[in-house]
Amino acid sequence: MIIIVGAILGATIGAMIAKRRKGKLADILQYAFVYALVFTLAGLFLTLIIHRASI
């Protein structure tokens, strides 16, 4: 669940940053993808840490 939320949040933040910098559609999509990827990985590691700590 944390991973999905991270991906959505990352894509939203990335798209907003690209729009604020007056980027074209390709720029917006690229920023959204990269931020979604980074936030997804962060969510994955957070999930693993929470899972390991609960044992």
N, C-alpha and C. Protein backbone atom coordinates (compact mmCIF):
# COMPACT_ATOMS: atom_id res chain seq x y z
N MET A 1 0.83 -1.19 0.00
CA MET A 1 0.00 0.00 0.00
C MET A 1 0.87 1.26 0.00
N ILE A 2 1.93 1.22 0.79
CA ILE A 2 2.83 2.37 0.86
C ILE A 2 3.50 2.60 -0.49
N ILE A 3 3.78 1.51 -1.20
CA ILE A 3 4.44 1.61 -2.50
C ILE A 3 3.54 2.31 -3.51
N ILE A 4 2.27 1.95 -3.53
CA ILE A 4 1.32 2.56 -4.47
C ILE A 4 1.13 4.04 -4.16
N VAL A 5 1.00 4.36 -2.88
CA VAL A 5 0.85 5.75 -2.48
C VAL A 5 2.09 6.55 -2.87
N GLY A 6 3.26 5.94 -2.69
CA GLY A 6 4.51 6.60 -3.08
C GLY A 6 4.57 6.88 -4.57
N ALA A 7 4.13 5.92 -5.37
CA ALA A 7 4.15 6.11 -6.83
C ALA A 7 3.21 7.23 -7.26
N ILE A 8 2.01 7.24 -6.70
CA ILE A 8 1.05 8.29 -7.05
C ILE A 8 1.52 9.65 -6.59
N LEU A 9 2.02 9.71 -5.36
CA LEU A 9 2.52 10.97 -4.82
C LEU A 9 3.72 11.48 -5.62
N GLY A 10 4.62 10.58 -5.96
CA GLY A 10 5.79 10.96 -6.75
C GLY A 10 5.43 11.48 -8.12
N ALA A 11 4.49 10.80 -8.79
CA ALA A 11 4.07 11.25 -10.12
C ALA A 11 3.41 12.61 -10.05
N THR A 12 2.61 12.83 -9.02
CA THR A 12 1.94 14.12 -8.87
C THR A 12 2.94 15.24 -8.61
N ILE A 13 3.86 14.99 -7.71
CA ILE A 13 4.87 16.02 -7.39
C ILE A 13 5.75 16.30 -8.60
N GLY A 14 6.17 15.24 -9.30
CA GLY A 14 7.00 15.42 -10.49
C GLY A 14 6.31 16.22 -11.57
N ALA A 15 5.04 15.93 -11.80
CA ALA A 15 4.29 16.67 -12.83
C ALA A 15 4.12 18.13 -12.43
N MET A 16 3.85 18.38 -11.14
CA MET A 16 3.69 19.76 -10.69
C MET A 16 4.99 20.55 -10.83
N ILE A 17 6.11 19.93 -10.53
CA ILE A 17 7.40 20.61 -10.66
C ILE A 17 7.67 20.94 -12.13
N ALA A 18 7.41 19.99 -13.02
CA ALA A 18 7.66 20.24 -14.45
C ALA A 18 6.73 21.33 -14.99
N LYS A 19 5.48 21.34 -14.56
CA LYS A 19 4.55 22.38 -15.00
C LYS A 19 4.98 23.75 -14.51
N ARG A 20 5.45 23.79 -13.26
CA ARG A 20 5.89 25.07 -12.69
C ARG A 20 7.10 25.61 -13.44
N ARG A 21 7.92 24.70 -13.98
CA ARG A 21 9.10 25.13 -14.75
C ARG A 21 8.78 25.35 -16.23
N LYS A 22 7.47 25.37 -16.56
CA LYS A 22 6.99 25.61 -17.92
C LYS A 22 7.48 24.55 -18.91
N GLY A 23 7.44 23.29 -18.48
CA GLY A 23 7.88 22.21 -19.35
C GLY A 23 6.80 21.79 -20.33
N LYS A 24 7.25 21.19 -21.43
CA LYS A 24 6.31 20.66 -22.42
C LYS A 24 5.80 19.31 -21.92
N LEU A 25 4.93 18.70 -22.70
CA LEU A 25 4.31 17.44 -22.29
C LEU A 25 5.35 16.35 -22.03
N ALA A 26 6.36 16.26 -22.89
CA ALA A 26 7.40 15.25 -22.70
C ALA A 26 8.15 15.48 -21.39
N ASP A 27 8.41 16.74 -21.06
CA ASP A 27 9.10 17.06 -19.80
C ASP A 27 8.24 16.67 -18.60
N ILE A 28 6.96 16.97 -18.69
CA ILE A 28 6.05 16.66 -17.59
C ILE A 28 5.98 15.15 -17.37
N LEU A 29 5.87 14.39 -18.46
CA LEU A 29 5.81 12.94 -18.35
C LEU A 29 7.10 12.36 -17.79
N GLN A 30 8.22 12.90 -18.22
CA GLN A 30 9.51 12.40 -17.74
C GLN A 30 9.68 12.69 -16.26
N TYR A 31 9.39 13.89 -15.83
CA TYR A 31 9.49 14.23 -14.41
C TYR A 31 8.55 13.36 -13.58
N ALA A 32 7.32 13.16 -14.07
CA ALA A 32 6.35 12.34 -13.35
C ALA A 32 6.86 10.91 -13.21
N PHE A 33 7.42 10.36 -14.28
CA PHE A 33 7.92 8.99 -14.23
C PHE A 33 9.09 8.85 -13.28
N VAL A 34 10.05 9.75 -13.37
CA VAL A 34 11.25 9.65 -12.53
C VAL A 34 10.90 9.83 -11.05
N TYR A 35 10.07 10.81 -10.75
CA TYR A 35 9.68 11.02 -9.35
C TYR A 35 8.86 9.84 -8.83
N ALA A 36 7.99 9.28 -9.68
CA ALA A 36 7.21 8.11 -9.27
C ALA A 36 8.14 6.94 -8.99
N LEU A 37 9.15 6.76 -9.81
CA LEU A 37 10.11 5.68 -9.61
C LEU A 37 10.88 5.85 -8.30
N VAL A 38 11.35 7.04 -8.04
CA VAL A 38 12.11 7.30 -6.82
C VAL A 38 11.23 7.12 -5.57
N PHE A 39 10.02 7.65 -5.62
CA PHE A 39 9.14 7.53 -4.46
C PHE A 39 8.69 6.08 -4.27
N THR A 40 8.54 5.33 -5.36
CA THR A 40 8.19 3.92 -5.25
C THR A 40 9.31 3.14 -4.57
N LEU A 41 10.54 3.40 -4.96
CA LEU A 41 11.67 2.73 -4.31
C LEU A 41 11.77 3.10 -2.84
N ALA A 42 11.53 4.36 -2.53
CA ALA A 42 11.54 4.79 -1.13
C ALA A 42 10.43 4.08 -0.35
N GLY A 43 9.26 3.94 -0.96
CA GLY A 43 8.15 3.23 -0.32
C GLY A 43 8.46 1.75 -0.13
N LEU A 44 9.16 1.17 -1.10
CA LEU A 44 9.56 -0.24 -0.98
C LEU A 44 10.49 -0.44 0.20
N PHE A 45 11.50 0.40 0.31
CA PHE A 45 12.44 0.28 1.43
C PHE A 45 11.75 0.56 2.76
N LEU A 46 10.85 1.52 2.79
CA LEU A 46 10.11 1.80 4.01
C LEU A 46 9.25 0.61 4.41
N THR A 47 8.62 -0.03 3.43
CA THR A 47 7.82 -1.21 3.70
C THR A 47 8.69 -2.34 4.25
N LEU A 48 9.86 -2.54 3.67
CA LEU A 48 10.76 -3.59 4.14
C LEU A 48 11.23 -3.31 5.56
N ILE A 49 11.54 -2.07 5.87
CA ILE A 49 11.99 -1.71 7.21
C ILE A 49 10.87 -1.94 8.23
N ILE A 50 9.66 -1.53 7.88
CA ILE A 50 8.53 -1.73 8.79
C ILE A 50 8.27 -3.22 9.00
N HIS A 51 8.35 -3.99 7.92
CA HIS A 51 8.10 -5.42 8.03
C HIS A 51 9.17 -6.10 8.89
N ARG A 52 10.41 -5.74 8.69
CA ARG A 52 11.50 -6.35 9.47
C ARG A 52 11.44 -5.95 10.94
N ALA A 53 11.01 -4.75 11.22
CA ALA A 53 10.97 -4.26 12.59
C ALA A 53 9.82 -4.89 13.38
N SER A 54 8.81 -5.39 12.68
CA SER A 54 7.64 -5.94 13.38
C SER A 54 7.82 -7.40 13.77
N ILE A 55 8.90 -8.02 13.38
CA ILE A 55 9.12 -9.44 13.70
C ILE A 55 9.60 -9.62 15.12
